[in-house]
Amino acid sequence: MTRVRNAFTLIELLVVIAIIAILAAILFPVFAQARESARQTSCLSNTKQLGLGLLQYVQDYDERWPLWIYDTIGPTRDTPDRPWGPWKNEHVGWDKAVQPYVKNVQIYRCPSTDDGDQYTSSNDDSNRTGVVAYAFNAHLSRRDPGDPLLQTNLAGARFPATTIMLAEVSRANSTGETTCEVSWLEWGYNAGHDRQLNGDGNAGNSGWDGNDGGGYKVNYNALCKNGTKTYWGNTAALRHHKGGANYAFVDGHSKWYNGDASCVVWDTTLSNGVQGNQTGRTMTYIP
């Protein structure tokens, strides 16, 4: 009499489970990378559209860049920052200037960047509020008419194809976020390129390696070699898209750069005693 088997043995079942586990271990990282690639592409599109919006603004205003921030006055101050969200409206800046050209607030969000806290208390700039996931190069503009930074016009950019216009931040903020070659020109909730690249454990003190008597000296050699790679509890912004980030440039193009490749913004070239990239061969914040 032939006996018909109608069930799996324990060994067969364990083998099937092991095969499924191996396949999952192989495929899940692939799925995660594909998802991040989609986010990276979406973010790159955002930087492109915002960059074009800024250039449209510049063409309408005598080739001058918008002020990157000034205080909100009048009855709208401390009210919800519409149409961005429920965050307090305490400042006006480049994002507000560009919004009529892009007619969209969703493109200010990077899919890989968390929104800021919904913070409403007045007279406190220490919290990261809002949804703006991109920072404007403060070297192109200034805070207000009394700001010591000189506002640069479009024609004043010597190297438009390599001068950064917008960069990413670790956590989204409200109006006023800037990024530039030196941290002490920052305003807002994220520090400069050094912390956005290497996080809280960045080399030196906010990227600076001492005082040379008349100014500051950048710790160039350590910028890409040290750091925790996390900032404010998030992956450092200039590495969170598969080790890199998206940038918009003054000539209107946008591009992804590997995090370590962005270290070239700390060019050691000197011209008339001014520290920074003066050659146009590498990406830079100095217009």
Foldseek 3Di string as FASTA:
>chain_A
DDDDDDDDDPVVVVVVVVVVVVVCVVCVVVVVLVVLVVLQVLLLVLQLLLLVLQVVLCVVPVQFGKAQKDFDDDPQALAQPPPQGRAGRTMDGRVNSSCVVSVDDVSQARPLAAAWDRDRDPPDQAGFHTHRFKAALCLQHHHDPPGPRDHHGLVRDPQQVQAFGMWGFRHHHDGQAHEADAQVRGDGHGTYLLCLLANPWAPDDSQFDDDPPPGTDGPLVRSNPIHPCAYPNGRRRQQRSVQGTKTATSVSHIDIDHSVLLSCQQPQDADPNDGGDPDSPHHYNND
